[in-house]
Amino acid sequence: MTKVSKIDTETAIATYLHYSKIVLPKLAAQHPSRWPIQHDHCFQRIILDNVCGRAWYEAIPTPAYKNMTLEQARSAAKLSVEIATQQVCIHTLNNASLKWRDKQQAFSF
């Protein structure tokens, strides 16, 4: 990995971690009825699963933030921002993540 790509990877991972640990949980706490999740680890699951197209741990060794490729890190950062700015539907992303993990989707009435 070149010095430039290492810096790019670290920057993208820092963006992903900032959004998944701070920004997204804060947004979810402000409007809990609009968000199917509130916890940082849930946001990380959804983001990484959707980046990988399956349960993230099938594609990235743990810990993920230390083992992502530049492409995965950039995709995670981009998706984090898109979730925060409502450019993508968190419900759709969550349902895809749950499906890849064979988990029952939650329904609210």
PDB file of N, CA and C in Angstrom:
ATOM      1  N   MET A   1       0.849  -1.170   0.000  1.00  0.00           N
ATOM      2  CA  MET A   1       0.000   0.000   0.000  1.00  0.00           C
ATOM      3  C   MET A   1       0.896   1.235   0.000  1.00  0.00           C
ATOM      4  N   THR A   2       0.626   2.138  -0.899  1.00  0.00           N
ATOM      5  CA  THR A   2       1.425   3.354  -0.956  1.00  0.00           C
ATOM      6  C   THR A   2       1.043   4.280   0.185  1.00  0.00           C
ATOM      7  N   LYS A   3       1.906   5.248   0.435  1.00  0.00           N
ATOM      8  CA  LYS A   3       1.643   6.197   1.513  1.00  0.00           C
ATOM      9  C   LYS A   3       0.333   6.946   1.273  1.00  0.00           C
ATOM     10  N   VAL A   4       0.087   7.355   0.035  1.00  0.00           N
ATOM     11  CA  VAL A   4      -1.140   8.093  -0.281  1.00  0.00           C
ATOM     12  C   VAL A   4      -2.368   7.224  -0.030  1.00  0.00           C
ATOM     13  N   SER A   5      -2.363   5.971  -0.486  1.00  0.00           N
ATOM     14  CA  SER A   5      -3.537   5.139  -0.291  1.00  0.00           C
ATOM     15  C   SER A   5      -3.740   4.788   1.182  1.00  0.00           C
ATOM     16  N   LYS A   6      -2.656   4.683   1.964  1.00  0.00           N
ATOM     17  CA  LYS A   6      -2.791   4.445   3.400  1.00  0.00           C
ATOM     18  C   LYS A   6      -3.472   5.636   4.066  1.00  0.00           C
ATOM     19  N   ILE A   7      -3.071   6.833   3.700  1.00  0.00           N
ATOM     20  CA  ILE A   7      -3.704   8.042   4.247  1.00  0.00           C
ATOM     21  C   ILE A   7      -5.162   8.100   3.808  1.00  0.00           C
ATOM     22  N   ASP A   8      -5.434   7.820   2.545  1.00  0.00           N
ATOM     23  CA  ASP A   8      -6.813   7.804   2.064  1.00  0.00           C
ATOM     24  C   ASP A   8      -7.654   6.800   2.829  1.00  0.00           C
ATOM     25  N   THR A   9      -7.107   5.614   3.053  1.00  0.00           N
ATOM     26  CA  THR A   9      -7.828   4.578   3.785  1.00  0.00           C
ATOM     27  C   THR A   9      -8.104   5.041   5.213  1.00  0.00           C
ATOM     28  N   GLU A  10      -7.101   5.583   5.877  1.00  0.00           N
ATOM     29  CA  GLU A  10      -7.279   6.052   7.252  1.00  0.00           C
ATOM     30  C   GLU A  10      -8.315   7.170   7.337  1.00  0.00           C
ATOM     31  N   THR A  11      -8.316   8.065   6.366  1.00  0.00           N
ATOM     32  CA  THR A  11      -9.293   9.161   6.346  1.00  0.00           C
ATOM     33  C   THR A  11     -10.708   8.617   6.140  1.00  0.00           C
ATOM     34  N   ALA A  12     -10.859   7.693   5.220  1.00  0.00           N
ATOM     35  CA  ALA A  12     -12.175   7.109   4.955  1.00  0.00           C
ATOM     36  C   ALA A  12     -12.675   6.336   6.170  1.00  0.00           C
ATOM     37  N   ILE A  13     -11.811   5.579   6.810  1.00  0.00           N
ATOM     38  CA  ILE A  13     -12.201   4.833   8.006  1.00  0.00           C
ATOM     39  C   ILE A  13     -12.577   5.790   9.132  1.00  0.00           C
ATOM     40  N   ALA A  14     -11.825   6.868   9.296  1.00  0.00           N
ATOM     41  CA  ALA A  14     -12.149   7.861  10.323  1.00  0.00           C
ATOM     42  C   ALA A  14     -13.521   8.482  10.068  1.00  0.00           C
ATOM     43  N   THR A  15     -13.838   8.746   8.813  1.00  0.00           N
ATOM     44  CA  THR A  15     -15.153   9.297   8.465  1.00  0.00           C
ATOM     45  C   THR A  15     -16.252   8.295   8.803  1.00  0.00           C
ATOM     46  N   TYR A  16     -16.063   7.041   8.378  1.00  0.00           N
ATOM     47  CA  TYR A  16     -17.034   5.978   8.666  1.00  0.00           C
ATOM     48  C   TYR A  16     -17.247   5.830  10.175  1.00  0.00           C
ATOM     49  N   LEU A  17     -16.168   5.796  10.951  1.00  0.00           N
ATOM     50  CA  LEU A  17     -16.280   5.637  12.398  1.00  0.00           C
ATOM     51  C   LEU A  17     -16.956   6.840  13.056  1.00  0.00           C
ATOM     52  N   HIS A  18     -16.627   8.042  12.595  1.00  0.00           N
ATOM     53  CA  HIS A  18     -17.256   9.249  13.147  1.00  0.00           C
ATOM     54  C   HIS A  18     -18.772   9.216  12.927  1.00  0.00           C
ATOM     55  N   TYR A  19     -19.164   8.894  11.707  1.00  0.00           N
ATOM     56  CA  TYR A  19     -20.597   8.856  11.414  1.00  0.00           C
ATOM     57  C   TYR A  19     -21.288   7.711  12.143  1.00  0.00           C
ATOM     58  N   SER A  20     -20.700   6.525  12.125  1.00  0.00           N
ATOM     59  CA  SER A  20     -21.375   5.374  12.730  1.00  0.00           C
ATOM     60  C   SER A  20     -21.399   5.436  14.253  1.00  0.00           C
ATOM     61  N   LYS A  21     -20.416   6.056  14.865  1.00  0.00           N
ATOM     62  CA  LYS A  21     -20.357   6.126  16.331  1.00  0.00           C
ATOM     63  C   LYS A  21     -21.002   7.371  16.918  1.00  0.00           C
ATOM     64  N   ILE A  22     -20.998   8.474  16.161  1.00  0.00           N
ATOM     65  CA  ILE A  22     -21.452   9.749  16.733  1.00  0.00           C
ATOM     66  C   ILE A  22     -22.653  10.329  15.972  1.00  0.00           C
ATOM     67  N   VAL A  23     -22.472  10.588  14.695  1.00  0.00           N
ATOM     68  CA  VAL A  23     -23.492  11.313  13.934  1.00  0.00           C
ATOM     69  C   VAL A  23     -24.797  10.530  13.816  1.00  0.00           C
ATOM     70  N   LEU A  24     -24.728   9.294  13.353  1.00  0.00           N
ATOM     71  CA  LEU A  24     -25.952   8.521  13.123  1.00  0.00           C
ATOM     72  C   LEU A  24     -26.704   8.184  14.410  1.00  0.00           C
ATOM     73  N   PRO A  25     -26.025   7.750  15.482  1.00  0.00           N
ATOM     74  CA  PRO A  25     -26.765   7.542  16.732  1.00  0.00           C
ATOM     75  C   PRO A  25     -27.420   8.817  17.269  1.00  0.00           C
ATOM     76  N   LYS A  26     -26.755   9.950  17.084  1.00  0.00           N
ATOM     77  CA  LYS A  26     -27.341  11.223  17.532  1.00  0.00           C
ATOM     78  C   LYS A  26     -28.605  11.542  16.728  1.00  0.00           C
ATOM     79  N   LEU A  27     -28.549  11.356  15.410  1.00  0.00           N
ATOM     80  CA  LEU A  27     -29.733  11.580  14.578  1.00  0.00           C
ATOM     81  C   LEU A  27     -30.863  10.632  14.973  1.00  0.00           C
ATOM     82  N   ALA A  28     -30.527   9.383  15.219  1.00  0.00           N
ATOM     83  CA  ALA A  28     -31.537   8.395  15.607  1.00  0.00           C
ATOM     84  C   ALA A  28     -32.171   8.746  16.948  1.00  0.00           C
ATOM     85  N   ALA A  29     -31.370   9.247  17.871  1.00  0.00           N
ATOM     86  CA  ALA A  29     -31.892   9.626  19.193  1.00  0.00           C
ATOM     87  C   ALA A  29     -32.841  10.826  19.093  1.00  0.00           C
ATOM     88  N   GLN A  30     -32.575  11.719  18.148  1.00  0.00           N
ATOM     89  CA  GLN A  30     -33.420  12.904  17.973  1.00  0.00           C
ATOM     90  C   GLN A  30     -34.777  12.560  17.368  1.00  0.00           C
ATOM     91  N   HIS A  31     -34.832  11.492  16.545  1.00  0.00           N
ATOM     92  CA  HIS A  31     -36.067  11.095  15.860  1.00  0.00           C
ATOM     93  C   HIS A  31     -36.213   9.576  15.910  1.00  0.00           C
ATOM     94  N   PRO A  32     -36.393   9.000  17.105  1.00  0.00           N
ATOM     95  CA  PRO A  32     -36.382   7.543  17.239  1.00  0.00           C
ATOM     96  C   PRO A  32     -37.458   6.822  16.426  1.00  0.00           C
ATOM     97  N   SER A  33     -38.573   7.466  16.177  1.00  0.00           N
ATOM     98  CA  SER A  33     -39.639   6.790  15.422  1.00  0.00           C
ATOM     99  C   SER A  33     -39.288   6.626  13.941  1.00  0.00           C
ATOM    100  N   ARG A  34     -38.317   7.370  13.452  1.00  0.00           N
ATOM    101  CA  ARG A  34     -37.916   7.291  12.043  1.00  0.00           C
ATOM    102  C   ARG A  34     -36.786   6.302  11.789  1.00  0.00           C
ATOM    103  N   TRP A  35     -36.146   5.841  12.845  1.00  0.00           N
ATOM    104  CA  TRP A  35     -34.955   4.998  12.711  1.00  0.00           C
ATOM    105  C   TRP A  35     -35.222   3.625  13.303  1.00  0.00           C
ATOM    106  N   PRO A  36     -34.914   2.551  12.576  1.00  0.00           N
ATOM    107  CA  PRO A  36     -35.142   1.207  13.114  1.00  0.00           C
ATOM    108  C   PRO A  36     -34.078   0.788  14.137  1.00  0.00           C
ATOM    109  N   ILE A  37     -33.019   1.565  14.238  1.00  0.00           N
ATOM    110  CA  ILE A  37     -31.906   1.266  15.151  1.00  0.00           C
ATOM    111  C   ILE A  37     -31.424   2.565  15.778  1.00  0.00           C
ATOM    112  N   GLN A  38     -30.699   2.449  16.885  1.00  0.00           N
ATOM    113  CA  GLN A  38     -30.153   3.633  17.543  1.00  0.00           C
ATOM    114  C   GLN A  38     -28.688   3.475  17.936  1.00  0.00           C
ATOM    115  N   HIS A  39     -28.191   2.265  18.035  1.00  0.00           N
ATOM    116  CA  HIS A  39     -26.859   2.017  18.589  1.00  0.00           C
ATOM    117  C   HIS A  39     -25.770   1.998  17.520  1.00  0.00           C
ATOM    118  N   ASP A  40     -24.587   2.463  17.921  1.00  0.00           N
ATOM    119  CA  ASP A  40     -23.472   2.560  16.973  1.00  0.00           C
ATOM    120  C   ASP A  40     -23.116   1.225  16.336  1.00  0.00           C
ATOM    121  N   HIS A  41     -23.106   0.151  17.104  1.00  0.00           N
ATOM    122  CA  HIS A  41     -22.737  -1.148  16.526  1.00  0.00           C
ATOM    123  C   HIS A  41     -23.759  -1.612  15.476  1.00  0.00           C
ATOM    124  N   CYS A  42     -25.011  -1.201  15.628  1.00  0.00           N
ATOM    125  CA  CYS A  42     -26.027  -1.538  14.616  1.00  0.00           C
ATOM    126  C   CYS A  42     -25.775  -0.767  13.319  1.00  0.00           C
ATOM    127  N   PHE A  43     -25.418   0.500  13.439  1.00  0.00           N
ATOM    128  CA  PHE A  43     -25.079   1.272  12.245  1.00  0.00           C
ATOM    129  C   PHE A  43     -23.863   0.675  11.552  1.00  0.00           C
ATOM    130  N   GLN A  44     -22.882   0.262  12.335  1.00  0.00           N
ATOM    131  CA  GLN A  44     -21.687  -0.338  11.744  1.00  0.00           C
ATOM    132  C   GLN A  44     -22.035  -1.628  11.019  1.00  0.00           C
ATOM    133  N   ARG A  45     -22.891  -2.452  11.601  1.00  0.00           N
ATOM    134  CA  ARG A  45     -23.342  -3.694  10.960  1.00  0.00           C
ATOM    135  C   ARG A  45     -24.007  -3.403   9.624  1.00  0.00           C
ATOM    136  N   ILE A  46     -24.944  -2.482   9.635  1.00  0.00           N
ATOM    137  CA  ILE A  46     -25.698  -2.163   8.420  1.00  0.00           C
ATOM    138  C   ILE A  46     -24.778  -1.618   7.340  1.00  0.00           C
ATOM    139  N   ILE A  47     -23.917  -0.695   7.709  1.00  0.00           N
ATOM    140  CA  ILE A  47     -23.020  -0.083   6.721  1.00  0.00           C
ATOM    141  C   ILE A  47     -22.081  -1.133   6.133  1.00  0.00           C
ATOM    142  N   LEU A  48     -21.417  -1.872   6.981  1.00  0.00           N
ATOM    143  CA  LEU A  48     -20.444  -2.842   6.479  1.00  0.00           C
ATOM    144  C   LEU A  48     -21.104  -3.981   5.710  1.00  0.00           C
ATOM    145  N   ASP A  49     -22.247  -4.469   6.182  1.00  0.00           N
ATOM    146  CA  ASP A  49     -22.955  -5.522   5.445  1.00  0.00           C
ATOM    147  C   ASP A  49     -23.320  -5.048   4.045  1.00  0.00           C
ATOM    148  N   ASN A  50     -23.796  -3.821   3.939  1.00  0.00           N
ATOM    149  CA  ASN A  50     -24.196  -3.305   2.633  1.00  0.00           C
ATOM    150  C   ASN A  50     -22.996  -3.002   1.743  1.00  0.00           C
ATOM    151  N   VAL A  51     -21.887  -2.634   2.319  1.00  0.00           N
ATOM    152  CA  VAL A  51     -20.657  -2.454   1.546  1.00  0.00           C
ATOM    153  C   VAL A  51     -20.197  -3.793   0.977  1.00  0.00           C
ATOM    154  N   CYS A  52     -20.306  -4.839   1.789  1.00  0.00           N
ATOM    155  CA  CYS A  52     -19.812  -6.165   1.390  1.00  0.00           C
ATOM    156  C   CYS A  52     -20.842  -6.990   0.611  1.00  0.00           C
ATOM    157  N   GLY A  53     -22.127  -6.635   0.735  1.00  0.00           N
ATOM    158  CA  GLY A  53     -23.172  -7.408   0.076  1.00  0.00           C
ATOM    159  C   GLY A  53     -23.447  -8.737   0.764  1.00  0.00           C
ATOM    160  N   ARG A  54     -23.071  -8.838   2.015  1.00  0.00           N
ATOM    161  CA  ARG A  54     -23.271 -10.019   2.861  1.00  0.00           C
ATOM    162  C   ARG A  54     -22.842  -9.642   4.270  1.00  0.00           C
ATOM    163  N   ALA A  55     -22.936 -10.574   5.192  1.00  0.00           N
ATOM    164  CA  ALA A  55     -22.449 -10.292   6.541  1.00  0.00           C
ATOM    165  C   ALA A  55     -20.974  -9.902   6.438  1.00  0.00           C
ATOM    166  N   TRP A  56     -20.643  -8.739   6.931  1.00  0.00           N
ATOM    167  CA  TRP A  56     -19.310  -8.176   6.703  1.00  0.00           C
ATOM    168  C   TRP A  56     -18.177  -9.094   7.149  1.00  0.00           C
ATOM    169  N   TYR A  57     -18.376  -9.848   8.227  1.00  0.00           N
ATOM    170  CA  TYR A  57     -17.298 -10.694   8.751  1.00  0.00           C
ATOM    171  C   TYR A  57     -16.985 -11.878   7.835  1.00  0.00           C
ATOM    172  N   GLU A  58     -17.819 -12.097   6.813  1.00  0.00           N
ATOM    173  CA  GLU A  58     -17.517 -13.105   5.797  1.00  0.00           C
ATOM    174  C   GLU A  58     -16.535 -12.556   4.758  1.00  0.00           C
ATOM    175  N   ALA A  59     -16.357 -11.247   4.740  1.00  0.00           N
ATOM    176  CA  ALA A  59     -15.509 -10.609   3.731  1.00  0.00           C
ATOM    177  C   ALA A  59     -14.316  -9.847   4.314  1.00  0.00           C
ATOM    178  N   ILE A  60     -14.446  -9.384   5.556  1.00  0.00           N
ATOM    179  CA  ILE A  60     -13.399  -8.567   6.178  1.00  0.00           C
ATOM    180  C   ILE A  60     -12.989  -9.224   7.495  1.00  0.00           C
ATOM    181  N   PRO A  61     -11.712  -9.473   7.685  1.00  0.00           N
ATOM    182  CA  PRO A  61     -11.272 -10.009   8.982  1.00  0.00           C
ATOM    183  C   PRO A  61     -11.537  -8.999  10.103  1.00  0.00           C
ATOM    184  N   THR A  62     -11.744  -9.510  11.309  1.00  0.00           N
ATOM    185  CA  THR A  62     -11.952  -8.617  12.438  1.00  0.00           C
ATOM    186  C   THR A  62     -10.605  -8.156  12.998  1.00  0.00           C
ATOM    187  N   PRO A  63     -10.546  -6.970  13.541  1.00  0.00           N
ATOM    188  CA  PRO A  63     -11.571  -5.929  13.532  1.00  0.00           C
ATOM    189  C   PRO A  63     -11.658  -5.261  12.156  1.00  0.00           C
ATOM    190  N   ALA A  64     -12.861  -5.020  11.731  1.00  0.00           N
ATOM    191  CA  ALA A  64     -13.091  -4.510  10.370  1.00  0.00           C
ATOM    192  C   ALA A  64     -12.366  -3.200  10.106  1.00  0.00           C
ATOM    193  N   TYR A  65     -12.392  -2.292  11.067  1.00  0.00           N
ATOM    194  CA  TYR A  65     -11.796  -0.972  10.815  1.00  0.00           C
ATOM    195  C   TYR A  65     -10.287  -1.043  10.587  1.00  0.00           C
ATOM    196  N   LYS A  66      -9.659  -2.121  11.013  1.00  0.00           N
ATOM    197  CA  LYS A  66      -8.225  -2.274  10.783  1.00  0.00           C
ATOM    198  C   LYS A  66      -7.912  -3.081   9.528  1.00  0.00           C
ATOM    199  N   ASN A  67      -8.927  -3.695   8.927  1.00  0.00           N
ATOM    200  CA  ASN A  67      -8.694  -4.615   7.821  1.00  0.00           C
ATOM    201  C   ASN A  67      -9.425  -4.272   6.530  1.00  0.00           C
ATOM    202  N   MET A  68     -10.108  -3.141   6.486  1.00  0.00           N
ATOM    203  CA  MET A  68     -10.816  -2.750   5.266  1.00  0.00           C
ATOM    204  C   MET A  68      -9.826  -2.341   4.173  1.00  0.00           C
ATOM    205  N   THR A  69     -10.212  -2.649   2.951  1.00  0.00           N
ATOM    206  CA  THR A  69      -9.455  -2.150   1.811  1.00  0.00           C
ATOM    207  C   THR A  69      -9.804  -0.677   1.602  1.00  0.00           C
ATOM    208  N   LEU A  70      -9.051  -0.009   0.766  1.00  0.00           N
ATOM    209  CA  LEU A  70      -9.356   1.382   0.443  1.00  0.00           C
ATOM    210  C   LEU A  70     -10.761   1.490  -0.140  1.00  0.00           C
ATOM    211  N   GLU A  71     -11.107   0.600  -1.045  1.00  0.00           N
ATOM    212  CA  GLU A  71     -12.437   0.628  -1.674  1.00  0.00           C
ATOM    213  C   GLU A  71     -13.536   0.418  -0.632  1.00  0.00           C
ATOM    214  N   GLN A  72     -13.364  -0.542   0.263  1.00  0.00           N
ATOM    215  CA  GLN A  72     -14.357  -0.778   1.316  1.00  0.00           C
ATOM    216  C   GLN A  72     -14.470   0.421   2.245  1.00  0.00           C
ATOM    217  N   ALA A  73     -13.349   1.007   2.605  1.00  0.00           N
ATOM    218  CA  ALA A  73     -13.359   2.169   3.500  1.00  0.00           C
ATOM    219  C   ALA A  73     -14.060   3.353   2.845  1.00  0.00           C
ATOM    220  N   ARG A  74     -13.751   3.596   1.583  1.00  0.00           N
ATOM    221  CA  ARG A  74     -14.418   4.696   0.875  1.00  0.00           C
ATOM    222  C   ARG A  74     -15.914   4.446   0.756  1.00  0.00           C
ATOM    223  N   SER A  75     -16.291   3.210   0.455  1.00  0.00           N
ATOM    224  CA  SER A  75     -17.717   2.876   0.341  1.00  0.00           C
ATOM    225  C   SER A  75     -18.427   3.036   1.677  1.00  0.00           C
ATOM    226  N   ALA A  76     -17.780   2.629   2.761  1.00  0.00           N
ATOM    227  CA  ALA A  76     -18.373   2.766   4.093  1.00  0.00           C
ATOM    228  C   ALA A  76     -18.540   4.238   4.465  1.00  0.00           C
ATOM    229  N   ALA A  77     -17.549   5.045   4.174  1.00  0.00           N
ATOM    230  CA  ALA A  77     -17.641   6.481   4.453  1.00  0.00           C
ATOM    231  C   ALA A  77     -18.760   7.118   3.639  1.00  0.00           C
ATOM    232  N   LYS A  78     -18.816   6.784   2.366  1.00  0.00           N
ATOM    233  CA  LYS A  78     -19.847   7.346   1.481  1.00  0.00           C
ATOM    234  C   LYS A  78     -21.242   6.941   1.944  1.00  0.00           C
ATOM    235  N   LEU A  79     -21.431   5.664   2.263  1.00  0.00           N
ATOM    236  CA  LEU A  79     -22.732   5.193   2.706  1.00  0.00           C
ATOM    237  C   LEU A  79     -23.125   5.829   4.038  1.00  0.00           C
ATOM    238  N   SER A  80     -22.175   6.033   4.913  1.00  0.00           N
ATOM    239  CA  SER A  80     -22.450   6.692   6.200  1.00  0.00           C
ATOM    240  C   SER A  80     -23.029   8.091   5.989  1.00  0.00           C
ATOM    241  N   VAL A  81     -22.413   8.838   5.100  1.00  0.00           N
ATOM    242  CA  VAL A  81     -22.881  10.191   4.792  1.00  0.00           C
ATOM    243  C   VAL A  81     -24.257  10.134   4.121  1.00  0.00           C
ATOM    244  N   GLU A  82     -24.436   9.194   3.222  1.00  0.00           N
ATOM    245  CA  GLU A  82     -25.729   9.059   2.530  1.00  0.00           C
ATOM    246  C   GLU A  82     -26.854   8.720   3.510  1.00  0.00           C
ATOM    247  N   ILE A  83     -26.572   7.911   4.502  1.00  0.00           N
ATOM    248  CA  ILE A  83     -27.581   7.605   5.523  1.00  0.00           C
ATOM    249  C   ILE A  83     -27.904   8.865   6.309  1.00  0.00           C
ATOM    250  N   ALA A  84     -26.882   9.588   6.732  1.00  0.00           N
ATOM    251  CA  ALA A  84     -27.080  10.798   7.537  1.00  0.00           C
ATOM    252  C   ALA A  84     -27.868  11.863   6.795  1.00  0.00           C
ATOM    253  N   THR A  85     -27.669  11.949   5.497  1.00  0.00           N
ATOM    254  CA  THR A  85     -28.347  12.976   4.695  1.00  0.00           C
ATOM    255  C   THR A  85     -29.602  12.425   4.010  1.00  0.00           C
ATOM    256  N   GLN A  86     -30.010  11.237   4.409  1.00  0.00           N
ATOM    257  CA  GLN A  86     -31.231  10.585   3.927  1.00  0.00           C
ATOM    258  C   GLN A  86     -31.264  10.422   2.407  1.00  0.00           C
ATOM    259  N   GLN A  87     -30.095  10.180   1.828  1.00  0.00           N
ATOM    260  CA  GLN A  87     -30.027   9.885   0.399  1.00  0.00           C
ATOM    261  C   GLN A  87     -30.342   8.425   0.128  1.00  0.00           C
ATOM    262  N   VAL A  88     -30.262   7.601   1.160  1.00  0.00           N
ATOM    263  CA  VAL A  88     -30.616   6.187   1.091  1.00  0.00           C
ATOM    264  C   VAL A  88     -31.546   5.881   2.267  1.00  0.00           C
ATOM    265  N   CYS A  89     -32.292   4.811   2.140  1.00  0.00           N
ATOM    266  CA  CYS A  89     -33.268   4.445   3.168  1.00  0.00           C
ATOM    267  C   CYS A  89     -32.640   3.486   4.173  1.00  0.00           C
ATOM    268  N   ILE A  90     -32.552   3.905   5.416  1.00  0.00           N
ATOM    269  CA  ILE A  90     -31.965   3.074   6.468  1.00  0.00           C
ATOM    270  C   ILE A  90     -32.782   1.805   6.670  1.00  0.00           C
ATOM    271  N   HIS A  91     -34.092   1.862   6.482  1.00  0.00           N
ATOM    272  CA  HIS A  91     -34.938   0.677   6.636  1.00  0.00           C
ATOM    273  C   HIS A  91     -34.580  -0.375   5.585  1.00  0.00           C
ATOM    274  N   THR A  92     -34.392   0.056   4.350  1.00  0.00           N
ATOM    275  CA  THR A  92     -34.020  -0.860   3.269  1.00  0.00           C
ATOM    276  C   THR A  92     -32.652  -1.478   3.539  1.00  0.00           C
ATOM    277  N   LEU A  93     -31.700  -0.660   3.955  1.00  0.00           N
ATOM    278  CA  LEU A  93     -30.358  -1.154   4.265  1.00  0.00           C
ATOM    279  C   LEU A  93     -30.391  -2.136   5.430  1.00  0.00           C
ATOM    280  N   ASN A  94     -31.161  -1.824   6.466  1.00  0.00           N
ATOM    281  CA  ASN A  94     -31.277  -2.708   7.621  1.00  0.00           C
ATOM    282  C   ASN A  94     -31.915  -4.041   7.215  1.00  0.00           C
ATOM    283  N   ASN A  95     -32.973  -3.980   6.426  1.00  0.00           N
ATOM    284  CA  ASN A  95     -33.633  -5.211   5.991  1.00  0.00           C
ATOM    285  C   ASN A  95     -32.701  -6.090   5.172  1.00  0.00           C
ATOM    286  N   ALA A  96     -31.894  -5.494   4.309  1.00  0.00           N
ATOM    287  CA  ALA A  96     -30.918  -6.268   3.529  1.00  0.00           C
ATOM    288  C   ALA A  96     -29.917  -6.928   4.460  1.00  0.00           C
ATOM    289  N   SER A  97     -29.426  -6.175   5.440  1.00  0.00           N
ATOM    290  CA  SER A  97     -28.465  -6.714   6.396  1.00  0.00           C
ATOM    291  C   SER A  97     -29.064  -7.891   7.170  1.00  0.00           C
ATOM    292  N   LEU A  98     -30.281  -7.730   7.633  1.00  0.00           N
ATOM    293  CA  LEU A  98     -30.936  -8.805   8.380  1.00  0.00           C
ATOM    294  C   LEU A  98     -31.165 -10.035   7.504  1.00  0.00           C
ATOM    295  N   LYS A  99     -31.505  -9.806   6.251  1.00  0.00           N
ATOM    296  CA  LYS A  99     -31.728 -10.925   5.327  1.00  0.00           C
ATOM    297  C   LYS A  99     -30.434 -11.716   5.126  1.00  0.00           C
ATOM    298  N   TRP A 100     -29.310 -11.012   4.929  1.00  0.00           N
ATOM    299  CA  TRP A 100     -28.025 -11.696   4.759  1.00  0.00           C
ATOM    300  C   TRP A 100     -27.663 -12.510   5.998  1.00  0.00           C
ATOM    301  N   ARG A 101     -28.169 -12.089   7.124  1.00  0.00           N
ATOM    302  CA  ARG A 101     -27.870 -12.779   8.380  1.00  0.00           C
ATOM    303  C   ARG A 101     -28.992 -13.737   8.788  1.00  0.00           C
ATOM    304  N   ASP A 102     -29.991 -13.906   7.917  1.00  0.00           N
ATOM    305  CA  ASP A 102     -31.145 -14.788   8.185  1.00  0.00           C
ATOM    306  C   ASP A 102     -31.863 -14.445   9.486  1.00  0.00           C
ATOM    307  N   LYS A 103     -32.017 -13.156   9.717  1.00  0.00           N
ATOM    308  CA  LYS A 103     -32.714 -12.696  10.923  1.00  0.00           C
ATOM    309  C   LYS A 103     -34.103 -12.197  10.531  1.00  0.00           C
ATOM    310  N   GLN A 104     -35.028 -12.302  11.443  1.00  0.00           N
ATOM    311  CA  GLN A 104     -36.379 -11.816  11.234  1.00  0.00           C
ATOM    312  C   GLN A 104     -36.377 -10.290  11.243  1.00  0.00           C
ATOM    313  N   GLN A 105     -37.039  -9.717  10.276  1.00  0.00           N
ATOM    314  CA  GLN A 105     -37.165  -8.268  10.223  1.00  0.00           C
ATOM    315  C   GLN A 105     -38.249  -7.842  11.211  1.00  0.00           C
ATOM    316  N   ALA A 106     -38.012  -6.725  11.865  1.00  0.00           N
ATOM    317  CA  ALA A 106     -38.974  -6.218  12.829  1.00  0.00           C
ATOM    318  C   ALA A 106     -40.059  -5.434  12.110  1.00  0.00           C
ATOM    319  N   PHE A 107     -41.279  -5.619  12.552  1.00  0.00           N
ATOM    320  CA  PHE A 107     -42.410  -4.874  12.002  1.00  0.00           C
ATOM    321  C   PHE A 107     -42.996  -4.000  13.088  1.00  0.00           C
ATOM    322  N   SER A 108     -43.353  -2.780  12.727  1.00  0.00           N
ATOM    323  CA  SER A 108     -44.003  -1.898  13.694  1.00  0.00           C
ATOM    324  C   SER A 108     -45.377  -1.548  13.171  1.00  0.00           C
ATOM    325  N   PHE A 109     -46.340  -1.584  14.073  1.00  0.00           N
ATOM    326  CA  PHE A 109     -47.731  -1.302  13.693  1.00  0.00           C
ATOM    327  C   PHE A 109     -48.237  -0.087  14.424  1.00  0.00           C
TER     328      PHE A 109
END
